[in-house]
Amino acid sequence: IPAAPTYNGTYPVYERLPFQIMKGTNPDGSHYADPVQNVSYFH
């Protein structure tokens, strides 16, 4: 979303996880901890 955009550019995959609890902060300041699968980090 505009408040947390995916940045344009080209990047190489540097980390791979089949499963993860992804944690972070929402734009309103609240926190999240979401289970996700098939994760390939690139930037």
ModelCIF file with pLDDT and N, C-alpha, C, O atoms, coordinates in Angstrom:
data_MODEL
#
_entry.id   MODEL 
#
_entity.id                         1 
_entity.type                       polymer 
_entity.pdbx_number_of_molecules   1 
#
_entity_poly.entity_id                      1 
_entity_poly.type                           'polypeptide(L)' 
_entity_poly.nstd_linkage                   no 
_entity_poly.nstd_monomer                   no 
_entity_poly.pdbx_seq_one_letter_code       IPAAPTYNGTYPVYERLPFQIMKGTNPDGSHYADPVQNVSYFH 
_entity_poly.pdbx_seq_one_letter_code_can   IPAAPTYNGTYPVYERLPFQIMKGTNPDGSHYADPVQNVSYFH 
_entity_poly.pdbx_strand_id                 A 
#
loop_
_entity_poly_seq.entity_id 
_entity_poly_seq.num 
_entity_poly_seq.mon_id 
_entity_poly_seq.hetero 
1 1  ILE n 
1 2  PRO n 
1 3  ALA n 
1 4  ALA n 
1 5  PRO n 
1 6  THR n 
1 7  TYR n 
1 8  ASN n 
1 9  GLY n 
1 10 THR n 
1 11 TYR n 
1 12 PRO n 
1 13 VAL n 
1 14 TYR n 
1 15 GLU n 
1 16 ARG n 
1 17 LEU n 
1 18 PRO n 
1 19 PHE n 
1 20 GLN n 
1 21 ILE n 
1 22 MET n 
1 23 LYS n 
1 24 GLY n 
1 25 THR n 
1 26 ASN n 
1 27 PRO n 
1 28 ASP n 
1 29 GLY n 
1 30 SER n 
1 31 HIS n 
1 32 TYR n 
1 33 ALA n 
1 34 ASP n 
1 35 PRO n 
1 36 VAL n 
1 37 GLN n 
1 38 ASN n 
1 39 VAL n 
1 40 SER n 
1 41 TYR n 
1 42 PHE n 
1 43 HIS n 
#
_struct_asym.id          A 
_struct_asym.entity_id   1 
#
loop_
_ma_qa_metric.id 
_ma_qa_metric.mode 
_ma_qa_metric.name 
_ma_qa_metric.software_group_id 
_ma_qa_metric.type 
1 global pLDDT . pLDDT 
2 local  pLDDT . pLDDT 
#
_ma_qa_metric_global.metric_id      1 
_ma_qa_metric_global.metric_value   96.72 
_ma_qa_metric_global.model_id       1 
_ma_qa_metric_global.ordinal_id     1 
#
loop_
_ma_qa_metric_local.label_asym_id 
_ma_qa_metric_local.label_comp_id 
_ma_qa_metric_local.label_seq_id 
_ma_qa_metric_local.metric_id 
_ma_qa_metric_local.metric_value 
_ma_qa_metric_local.model_id 
_ma_qa_metric_local.ordinal_id 
A ILE 1  2 97.00 1 1  
A PRO 2  2 96.00 1 2  
A ALA 3  2 96.00 1 3  
A ALA 4  2 96.00 1 4  
A PRO 5  2 97.00 1 5  
A THR 6  2 98.00 1 6  
A TYR 7  2 97.00 1 7  
A ASN 8  2 98.00 1 8  
A GLY 9  2 98.00 1 9  
A THR 10 2 98.00 1 10 
A TYR 11 2 98.00 1 11 
A PRO 12 2 98.00 1 12 
A VAL 13 2 98.00 1 13 
A TYR 14 2 98.00 1 14 
A GLU 15 2 98.00 1 15 
A ARG 16 2 98.00 1 16 
A LEU 17 2 98.00 1 17 
A PRO 18 2 98.00 1 18 
A PHE 19 2 98.00 1 19 
A GLN 20 2 97.00 1 20 
A ILE 21 2 97.00 1 21 
A MET 22 2 96.00 1 22 
A LYS 23 2 95.00 1 23 
A GLY 24 2 93.00 1 24 
A THR 25 2 94.00 1 25 
A ASN 26 2 94.00 1 26 
A PRO 27 2 93.00 1 27 
A ASP 28 2 93.00 1 28 
A GLY 29 2 94.00 1 29 
A SER 30 2 96.00 1 30 
A HIS 31 2 96.00 1 31 
A TYR 32 2 95.00 1 32 
A ALA 33 2 96.00 1 33 
A ASP 34 2 96.00 1 34 
A PRO 35 2 97.00 1 35 
A VAL 36 2 98.00 1 36 
A GLN 37 2 98.00 1 37 
A ASN 38 2 98.00 1 38 
A VAL 39 2 98.00 1 39 
A SER 40 2 98.00 1 40 
A TYR 41 2 98.00 1 41 
A PHE 42 2 98.00 1 42 
A HIS 43 2 98.00 1 43 
#
loop_
_atom_site.group_PDB 
_atom_site.id 
_atom_site.type_symbol 
_atom_site.label_atom_id 
_atom_site.label_alt_id 
_atom_site.label_comp_id 
_atom_site.label_asym_id 
_atom_site.label_entity_id 
_atom_site.label_seq_id 
_atom_site.pdbx_PDB_ins_code 
_atom_site.Cartn_x 
_atom_site.Cartn_y 
_atom_site.Cartn_z 
_atom_site.occupancy 
_atom_site.B_iso_or_equiv 
_atom_site.pdbx_formal_charge 
_atom_site.auth_seq_id 
_atom_site.auth_comp_id 
_atom_site.auth_asym_id 
_atom_site.auth_atom_id 
_atom_site.pdbx_PDB_model_num 
ATOM 1   N N  . ILE A 1 1  ? 0.843  -1.183  0.000  1.00 97.00 ? 1  ILE A N  1 
ATOM 2   C CA . ILE A 1 1  ? 0.000  0.000   0.000  1.00 97.00 ? 1  ILE A CA 1 
ATOM 3   C C  . ILE A 1 1  ? 0.890  1.249   0.000  1.00 97.00 ? 1  ILE A C  1 
ATOM 4   O O  . ILE A 1 1  ? 2.079  1.138   0.297  1.00 97.00 ? 1  ILE A O  1 
ATOM 5   N N  . PRO A 1 2  ? 0.355  2.433   -0.323 1.00 96.00 ? 2  PRO A N  1 
ATOM 6   C CA . PRO A 1 2  ? 1.187  3.649   -0.353 1.00 96.00 ? 2  PRO A CA 1 
ATOM 7   C C  . PRO A 1 2  ? 1.932  3.913   0.948  1.00 96.00 ? 2  PRO A C  1 
ATOM 8   O O  . PRO A 1 2  ? 3.038  4.453   0.911  1.00 96.00 ? 2  PRO A O  1 
ATOM 9   N N  . ALA A 1 3  ? 1.376  3.558   2.074  1.00 96.00 ? 3  ALA A N  1 
ATOM 10  C CA . ALA A 1 3  ? 2.054  3.799   3.346  1.00 96.00 ? 3  ALA A CA 1 
ATOM 11  C C  . ALA A 1 3  ? 3.196  2.820   3.590  1.00 96.00 ? 3  ALA A C  1 
ATOM 12  O O  . ALA A 1 3  ? 4.064  3.091   4.419  1.00 96.00 ? 3  ALA A O  1 
ATOM 13  N N  . ALA A 1 4  ? 3.217  1.700   2.895  1.00 96.00 ? 4  ALA A N  1 
ATOM 14  C CA . ALA A 1 4  ? 4.290  0.703   3.021  1.00 96.00 ? 4  ALA A CA 1 
ATOM 15  C C  . ALA A 1 4  ? 4.501  0.069   1.654  1.00 96.00 ? 4  ALA A C  1 
ATOM 16  O O  . ALA A 1 4  ? 4.133  -1.088  1.447  1.00 96.00 ? 4  ALA A O  1 
ATOM 17  N N  . PRO A 1 5  ? 5.093  0.817   0.711  1.00 97.00 ? 5  PRO A N  1 
ATOM 18  C CA . PRO A 1 5  ? 5.150  0.354   -0.681 1.00 97.00 ? 5  PRO A CA 1 
ATOM 19  C C  . PRO A 1 5  ? 6.181  -0.752  -0.895 1.00 97.00 ? 5  PRO A C  1 
ATOM 20  O O  . PRO A 1 5  ? 7.107  -0.930  -0.104 1.00 97.00 ? 5  PRO A O  1 
ATOM 21  N N  . THR A 1 6  ? 5.994  -1.472  -1.966 1.00 98.00 ? 6  THR A N  1 
ATOM 22  C CA . THR A 1 6  ? 7.021  -2.390  -2.462 1.00 98.00 ? 6  THR A CA 1 
ATOM 23  C C  . THR A 1 6  ? 7.882  -1.572  -3.425 1.00 98.00 ? 6  THR A C  1 
ATOM 24  O O  . THR A 1 6  ? 7.379  -1.074  -4.432 1.00 98.00 ? 6  THR A O  1 
ATOM 25  N N  . TYR A 1 7  ? 9.160  -1.432  -3.128 1.00 97.00 ? 7  TYR A N  1 
ATOM 26  C CA . TYR A 1 7  ? 10.016 -0.506  -3.876 1.00 97.00 ? 7  TYR A CA 1 
ATOM 27  C C  . TYR A 1 7  ? 10.397 -1.075  -5.240 1.00 97.00 ? 7  TYR A C  1 
ATOM 28  O O  . TYR A 1 7  ? 10.726 -2.251  -5.392 1.00 97.00 ? 7  TYR A O  1 
ATOM 29  N N  . ASN A 1 8  ? 10.335 -0.182  -6.220 1.00 98.00 ? 8  ASN A N  1 
ATOM 30  C CA . ASN A 1 8  ? 10.718 -0.576  -7.572 1.00 98.00 ? 8  ASN A CA 1 
ATOM 31  C C  . ASN A 1 8  ? 12.230 -0.867  -7.624 1.00 98.00 ? 8  ASN A C  1 
ATOM 32  O O  . ASN A 1 8  ? 13.015 -0.297  -6.866 1.00 98.00 ? 8  ASN A O  1 
ATOM 33  N N  . GLY A 1 9  ? 12.606 -1.760  -8.531 1.00 98.00 ? 9  GLY A N  1 
ATOM 34  C CA . GLY A 1 9  ? 14.016 -2.114  -8.692 1.00 98.00 ? 9  GLY A CA 1 
ATOM 35  C C  . GLY A 1 9  ? 14.172 -3.601  -8.949 1.00 98.00 ? 9  GLY A C  1 
ATOM 36  O O  . GLY A 1 9  ? 13.189 -4.338  -9.022 1.00 98.00 ? 9  GLY A O  1 
ATOM 37  N N  . THR A 1 10 ? 15.396 -4.026  -9.085 1.00 98.00 ? 10 THR A N  1 
ATOM 38  C CA . THR A 1 10 ? 15.707 -5.440  -9.300 1.00 98.00 ? 10 THR A CA 1 
ATOM 39  C C  . THR A 1 10 ? 16.629 -5.915  -8.188 1.00 98.00 ? 10 THR A C  1 
ATOM 40  O O  . THR A 1 10 ? 17.626 -5.261  -7.879 1.00 98.00 ? 10 THR A O  1 
ATOM 41  N N  . TYR A 1 11 ? 16.300 -7.043  -7.594 1.00 98.00 ? 11 TYR A N  1 
ATOM 42  C CA . TYR A 1 11 ? 17.022 -7.539  -6.424 1.00 98.00 ? 11 TYR A CA 1 
ATOM 43  C C  . TYR A 1 11 ? 17.159 -9.062  -6.494 1.00 98.00 ? 11 TYR A C  1 
ATOM 44  O O  . TYR A 1 11 ? 16.286 -9.737  -7.040 1.00 98.00 ? 11 TYR A O  1 
ATOM 45  N N  . PRO A 1 12 ? 18.253 -9.608  -5.945 1.00 98.00 ? 12 PRO A N  1 
ATOM 46  C CA . PRO A 1 12 ? 18.407 -11.068 -5.910 1.00 98.00 ? 12 PRO A CA 1 
ATOM 47  C C  . PRO A 1 12 ? 17.823 -11.665 -4.627 1.00 98.00 ? 12 PRO A C  1 
ATOM 48  O O  . PRO A 1 12 ? 17.904 -11.065 -3.556 1.00 98.00 ? 12 PRO A O  1 
ATOM 49  N N  . VAL A 1 13 ? 17.247 -12.829 -4.753 1.00 98.00 ? 13 VAL A N  1 
ATOM 50  C CA . VAL A 1 13 ? 16.744 -13.537 -3.575 1.00 98.00 ? 13 VAL A CA 1 
ATOM 51  C C  . VAL A 1 13 ? 17.919 -13.866 -2.648 1.00 98.00 ? 13 VAL A C  1 
ATOM 52  O O  . VAL A 1 13 ? 18.929 -14.423 -3.080 1.00 98.00 ? 13 VAL A O  1 
ATOM 53  N N  . TYR A 1 14 ? 17.767 -13.507 -1.358 1.00 98.00 ? 14 TYR A N  1 
ATOM 54  C CA . TYR A 1 14 ? 18.873 -13.725 -0.411 1.00 98.00 ? 14 TYR A CA 1 
ATOM 55  C C  . TYR A 1 14 ? 18.514 -14.623 0.770  1.00 98.00 ? 14 TYR A C  1 
ATOM 56  O O  . TYR A 1 14 ? 19.387 -15.040 1.530  1.00 98.00 ? 14 TYR A O  1 
ATOM 57  N N  . GLU A 1 15 ? 17.208 -14.921 0.920  1.00 98.00 ? 15 GLU A N  1 
ATOM 58  C CA . GLU A 1 15 ? 16.787 -15.794 2.022  1.00 98.00 ? 15 GLU A CA 1 
ATOM 59  C C  . GLU A 1 15 ? 15.522 -16.521 1.620  1.00 98.00 ? 15 GLU A C  1 
ATOM 60  O O  . GLU A 1 15 ? 14.656 -15.962 0.948  1.00 98.00 ? 15 GLU A O  1 
ATOM 61  N N  . ARG A 1 16 ? 15.421 -17.791 2.041  1.00 98.00 ? 16 ARG A N  1 
ATOM 62  C CA . ARG A 1 16 ? 14.256 -18.605 1.698  1.00 98.00 ? 16 ARG A CA 1 
ATOM 63  C C  . ARG A 1 16 ? 13.822 -19.380 2.949  1.00 98.00 ? 16 ARG A C  1 
ATOM 64  O O  . ARG A 1 16 ? 14.643 -19.997 3.629  1.00 98.00 ? 16 ARG A O  1 
ATOM 65  N N  . LEU A 1 17 ? 12.524 -19.336 3.233  1.00 98.00 ? 17 LEU A N  1 
ATOM 66  C CA . LEU A 1 17 ? 11.970 -20.034 4.397  1.00 98.00 ? 17 LEU A CA 1 
ATOM 67  C C  . LEU A 1 17 ? 10.654 -20.686 3.995  1.00 98.00 ? 17 LEU A C  1 
ATOM 68  O O  . LEU A 1 17 ? 9.789  -20.018 3.429  1.00 98.00 ? 17 LEU A O  1 
ATOM 69  N N  . PRO A 1 18 ? 10.487 -21.962 4.271  1.00 98.00 ? 18 PRO A N  1 
ATOM 70  C CA . PRO A 1 18 ? 9.214  -22.601 3.932  1.00 98.00 ? 18 PRO A CA 1 
ATOM 71  C C  . PRO A 1 18 ? 8.056  -22.113 4.804  1.00 98.00 ? 18 PRO A C  1 
ATOM 72  O O  . PRO A 1 18 ? 6.901  -22.129 4.379  1.00 98.00 ? 18 PRO A O  1 
ATOM 73  N N  . PHE A 1 19 ? 8.375  -21.679 6.025  1.00 98.00 ? 19 PHE A N  1 
ATOM 74  C CA . PHE A 1 19 ? 7.331  -21.197 6.947  1.00 98.00 ? 19 PHE A CA 1 
ATOM 75  C C  . PHE A 1 19 ? 7.957  -20.167 7.883  1.00 98.00 ? 19 PHE A C  1 
ATOM 76  O O  . PHE A 1 19 ? 9.128  -20.269 8.248  1.00 98.00 ? 19 PHE A O  1 
ATOM 77  N N  . GLN A 1 20 ? 7.158  -19.181 8.259  1.00 97.00 ? 20 GLN A N  1 
ATOM 78  C CA . GLN A 1 20 ? 7.662  -18.146 9.157  1.00 97.00 ? 20 GLN A CA 1 
ATOM 79  C C  . GLN A 1 20 ? 6.491  -17.422 9.818  1.00 97.00 ? 20 GLN A C  1 
ATOM 80  O O  . GLN A 1 20 ? 5.425  -17.251 9.226  1.00 97.00 ? 20 GLN A O  1 
ATOM 81  N N  . ILE A 1 21 ? 6.722  -17.004 11.062 1.00 97.00 ? 21 ILE A N  1 
ATOM 82  C CA . ILE A 1 21 ? 5.822  -16.046 11.698 1.00 97.00 ? 21 ILE A CA 1 
ATOM 83  C C  . ILE A 1 21 ? 6.400  -14.676 11.382 1.00 97.00 ? 21 ILE A C  1 
ATOM 84  O O  . ILE A 1 21 ? 7.414  -14.282 11.959 1.00 97.00 ? 21 ILE A O  1 
ATOM 85  N N  . MET A 1 22 ? 5.774  -13.955 10.484 1.00 96.00 ? 22 MET A N  1 
ATOM 86  C CA . MET A 1 22 ? 6.289  -12.659 10.049 1.00 96.00 ? 22 MET A CA 1 
ATOM 87  C C  . MET A 1 22 ? 5.754  -11.579 10.981 1.00 96.00 ? 22 MET A C  1 
ATOM 88  O O  . MET A 1 22 ? 4.545  -11.423 11.156 1.00 96.00 ? 22 MET A O  1 
ATOM 89  N N  . LYS A 1 23 ? 6.691  -10.835 11.577 1.00 95.00 ? 23 LYS A N  1 
ATOM 90  C CA . LYS A 1 23 ? 6.325  -9.816  12.551 1.00 95.00 ? 23 LYS A CA 1 
ATOM 91  C C  . LYS A 1 23 ? 6.692  -8.437  12.049 1.00 95.00 ? 23 LYS A C  1 
ATOM 92  O O  . LYS A 1 23 ? 7.658  -8.268  11.305 1.00 95.00 ? 23 LYS A O  1 
ATOM 93  N N  . GLY A 1 24 ? 5.897  -7.435  12.471 1.00 93.00 ? 24 GLY A N  1 
ATOM 94  C CA . GLY A 1 24 ? 6.192  -6.071  12.075 1.00 93.00 ? 24 GLY A CA 1 
ATOM 95  C C  . GLY A 1 24 ? 5.216  -5.100  12.693 1.00 93.00 ? 24 GLY A C  1 
ATOM 96  O O  . GLY A 1 24 ? 4.459  -5.421  13.609 1.00 93.00 ? 24 GLY A O  1 
ATOM 97  N N  . THR A 1 25 ? 5.267  -3.874  12.139 1.00 94.00 ? 25 THR A N  1 
ATOM 98  C CA . THR A 1 25 ? 4.416  -2.808  12.662 1.00 94.00 ? 25 THR A CA 1 
ATOM 99  C C  . THR A 1 25 ? 3.498  -2.308  11.557 1.00 94.00 ? 25 THR A C  1 
ATOM 100 O O  . THR A 1 25 ? 3.947  -2.036  10.444 1.00 94.00 ? 25 THR A O  1 
ATOM 101 N N  . ASN A 1 26 ? 2.221  -2.188  11.865 1.00 94.00 ? 26 ASN A N  1 
ATOM 102 C CA . ASN A 1 26 ? 1.246  -1.657  10.920 1.00 94.00 ? 26 ASN A CA 1 
ATOM 103 C C  . ASN A 1 26 ? 1.377  -0.145  10.813 1.00 94.00 ? 26 ASN A C  1 
ATOM 104 O O  . ASN A 1 26 ? 1.947  0.482   11.706 1.00 94.00 ? 26 ASN A O  1 
ATOM 105 N N  . PRO A 1 27 ? 0.864  0.457   9.745  1.00 93.00 ? 27 PRO A N  1 
ATOM 106 C CA . PRO A 1 27 ? 0.943  1.911   9.607  1.00 93.00 ? 27 PRO A CA 1 
ATOM 107 C C  . PRO A 1 27 ? 0.312  2.676   10.772 1.00 93.00 ? 27 PRO A C  1 
ATOM 108 O O  . PRO A 1 27 ? 0.720  3.802   11.055 1.00 93.00 ? 27 PRO A O  1 
ATOM 109 N N  . ASP A 1 28 ? -0.677 2.087   11.454 1.00 93.00 ? 28 ASP A N  1 
ATOM 110 C CA . ASP A 1 28 ? -1.306 2.771   12.577 1.00 93.00 ? 28 ASP A CA 1 
ATOM 111 C C  . ASP A 1 28 ? -0.533 2.585   13.876 1.00 93.00 ? 28 ASP A C  1 
ATOM 112 O O  . ASP A 1 28 ? -0.972 3.061   14.923 1.00 93.00 ? 28 ASP A O  1 
ATOM 113 N N  . GLY A 1 29 ? 0.616  1.899   13.830 1.00 94.00 ? 29 GLY A N  1 
ATOM 114 C CA . GLY A 1 29 ? 1.442  1.705   15.019 1.00 94.00 ? 29 GLY A CA 1 
ATOM 115 C C  . GLY A 1 29 ? 1.206  0.402   15.729 1.00 94.00 ? 29 GLY A C  1 
ATOM 116 O O  . GLY A 1 29 ? 1.986  0.038   16.609 1.00 94.00 ? 29 GLY A O  1 
ATOM 117 N N  . SER A 1 30 ? 0.163  -0.314  15.381 1.00 96.00 ? 30 SER A N  1 
ATOM 118 C CA . SER A 1 30 ? -0.068 -1.620  15.996 1.00 96.00 ? 30 SER A CA 1 
ATOM 119 C C  . SER A 1 30 ? 0.908  -2.643  15.422 1.00 96.00 ? 30 SER A C  1 
ATOM 120 O O  . SER A 1 30 ? 1.520  -2.399  14.382 1.00 96.00 ? 30 SER A O  1 
ATOM 121 N N  . HIS A 1 31 ? 1.055  -3.761  16.078 1.00 96.00 ? 31 HIS A N  1 
ATOM 122 C CA . HIS A 1 31 ? 2.007  -4.797  15.653 1.00 96.00 ? 31 HIS A CA 1 
ATOM 123 C C  . HIS A 1 31 ? 1.260  -6.019  15.124 1.00 96.00 ? 31 HIS A C  1 
ATOM 124 O O  . HIS A 1 31 ? 0.114  -6.286  15.486 1.00 96.00 ? 31 HIS A O  1 
ATOM 125 N N  . TYR A 1 32 ? 1.939  -6.731  14.273 1.00 95.00 ? 32 TYR A N  1 
ATOM 126 C CA . TYR A 1 32 ? 1.352  -7.953  13.723 1.00 95.00 ? 32 TYR A CA 1 
ATOM 127 C C  . TYR A 1 32 ? 2.358  -9.095  13.835 1.00 95.00 ? 32 TYR A C  1 
ATOM 128 O O  . TYR A 1 32 ? 3.567  -8.871  13.907 1.00 95.00 ? 32 TYR A O  1 
ATOM 129 N N  . ALA A 1 33 ? 1.846  -10.305 13.850 1.00 96.00 ? 33 ALA A N  1 
ATOM 130 C CA . ALA A 1 33 ? 2.648  -11.538 13.835 1.00 96.00 ? 33 ALA A CA 1 
ATOM 131 C C  . ALA A 1 33 ? 1.826  -12.563 13.058 1.00 96.00 ? 33 ALA A C  1 
ATOM 132 O O  . ALA A 1 33 ? 0.978  -13.261 13.615 1.00 96.00 ? 33 ALA A O  1 
ATOM 133 N N  . ASP A 1 34 ? 2.102  -12.633 11.757 1.00 96.00 ? 34 ASP A N  1 
ATOM 134 C CA . ASP A 1 34 ? 1.285  -13.442 10.862 1.00 96.00 ? 34 ASP A CA 1 
ATOM 135 C C  . ASP A 1 34 ? 2.046  -14.670 10.376 1.00 96.00 ? 34 ASP A C  1 
ATOM 136 O O  . ASP A 1 34 ? 3.214  -14.562 10.003 1.00 96.00 ? 34 ASP A O  1 
ATOM 137 N N  . PRO A 1 35 ? 1.400  -15.834 10.376 1.00 97.00 ? 35 PRO A N  1 
ATOM 138 C CA . PRO A 1 35 ? 2.033  -17.025 9.795  1.00 97.00 ? 35 PRO A CA 1 
ATOM 139 C C  . PRO A 1 35 ? 1.983  -16.946 8.266  1.00 97.00 ? 35 PRO A C  1 
ATOM 140 O O  . PRO A 1 35 ? 0.931  -16.691 7.679  1.00 97.00 ? 35 PRO A O  1 
ATOM 141 N N  . VAL A 1 36 ? 3.107  -17.164 7.651  1.00 98.00 ? 36 VAL A N  1 
ATOM 142 C CA . VAL A 1 36 ? 3.184  -17.125 6.189  1.00 98.00 ? 36 VAL A CA 1 
ATOM 143 C C  . VAL A 1 36 ? 3.957  -18.353 5.709  1.00 98.00 ? 36 VAL A C  1 
ATOM 144 O O  . VAL A 1 36 ? 4.663  -19.000 6.482  1.00 98.00 ? 36 VAL A O  1 
ATOM 145 N N  . GLN A 1 37 ? 3.813  -18.657 4.429  1.00 98.00 ? 37 GLN A N  1 
ATOM 146 C CA . GLN A 1 37 ? 4.496  -19.826 3.858  1.00 98.00 ? 37 GLN A CA 1 
ATOM 147 C C  . GLN A 1 37 ? 5.199  -19.448 2.549  1.00 98.00 ? 37 GLN A C  1 
ATOM 148 O O  . GLN A 1 37 ? 4.908  -18.434 1.916  1.00 98.00 ? 37 GLN A O  1 
ATOM 149 N N  . ASN A 1 38 ? 6.156  -20.341 2.178  1.00 98.00 ? 38 ASN A N  1 
ATOM 150 C CA . ASN A 1 38 ? 6.857  -20.219 0.892  1.00 98.00 ? 38 ASN A CA 1 
ATOM 151 C C  . ASN A 1 38 ? 7.466  -18.827 0.712  1.00 98.00 ? 38 ASN A C  1 
ATOM 152 O O  . ASN A 1 38 ? 7.132  -18.106 -0.228 1.00 98.00 ? 38 ASN A O  1 
ATOM 153 N N  . VAL A 1 39 ? 8.356  -18.466 1.623  1.00 98.00 ? 39 VAL A N  1 
ATOM 154 C CA . VAL A 1 39 ? 8.885  -17.108 1.712  1.00 98.00 ? 39 VAL A CA 1 
ATOM 155 C C  . VAL A 1 39 ? 10.224 -17.019 0.977  1.00 98.00 ? 39 VAL A C  1 
ATOM 156 O O  . VAL A 1 39 ? 11.143 -17.797 1.235  1.00 98.00 ? 39 VAL A O  1 
ATOM 157 N N  . SER A 1 40 ? 10.314 -16.067 0.067  1.00 98.00 ? 40 SER A N  1 
ATOM 158 C CA . SER A 1 40 ? 11.573 -15.785 -0.639 1.00 98.00 ? 40 SER A CA 1 
ATOM 159 C C  . SER A 1 40 ? 11.860 -14.290 -0.517 1.00 98.00 ? 40 SER A C  1 
ATOM 160 O O  . SER A 1 40 ? 11.261 -13.478 -1.224 1.00 98.00 ? 40 SER A O  1 
ATOM 161 N N  . TYR A 1 41 ? 12.789 -13.926 0.393  1.00 98.00 ? 41 TYR A N  1 
ATOM 162 C CA . TYR A 1 41 ? 13.159 -12.524 0.595  1.00 98.00 ? 41 TYR A CA 1 
ATOM 163 C C  . TYR A 1 41 ? 14.073 -12.060 -0.537 1.00 98.00 ? 41 TYR A C  1 
ATOM 164 O O  . TYR A 1 41 ? 14.984 -12.775 -0.953 1.00 98.00 ? 41 TYR A O  1 
ATOM 165 N N  . PHE A 1 42 ? 13.806 -10.834 -1.030 1.00 98.00 ? 42 PHE A N  1 
ATOM 166 C CA . PHE A 1 42 ? 14.630 -10.302 -2.113 1.00 98.00 ? 42 PHE A CA 1 
ATOM 167 C C  . PHE A 1 42 ? 15.124 -8.879  -1.855 1.00 98.00 ? 42 PHE A C  1 
ATOM 168 O O  . PHE A 1 42 ? 16.089 -8.455  -2.490 1.00 98.00 ? 42 PHE A O  1 
ATOM 169 N N  . HIS A 1 43 ? 14.499 -8.129  -0.945 1.00 98.00 ? 43 HIS A N  1 
ATOM 170 C CA . HIS A 1 43 ? 14.929 -6.750  -0.687 1.00 98.00 ? 43 HIS A CA 1 
ATOM 171 C C  . HIS A 1 43 ? 14.501 -6.341  0.712  1.00 98.00 ? 43 HIS A C  1 
ATOM 172 O O  . HIS A 1 43 ? 14.764 -5.215  1.134  1.00 98.00 ? 43 HIS A O  1 
#
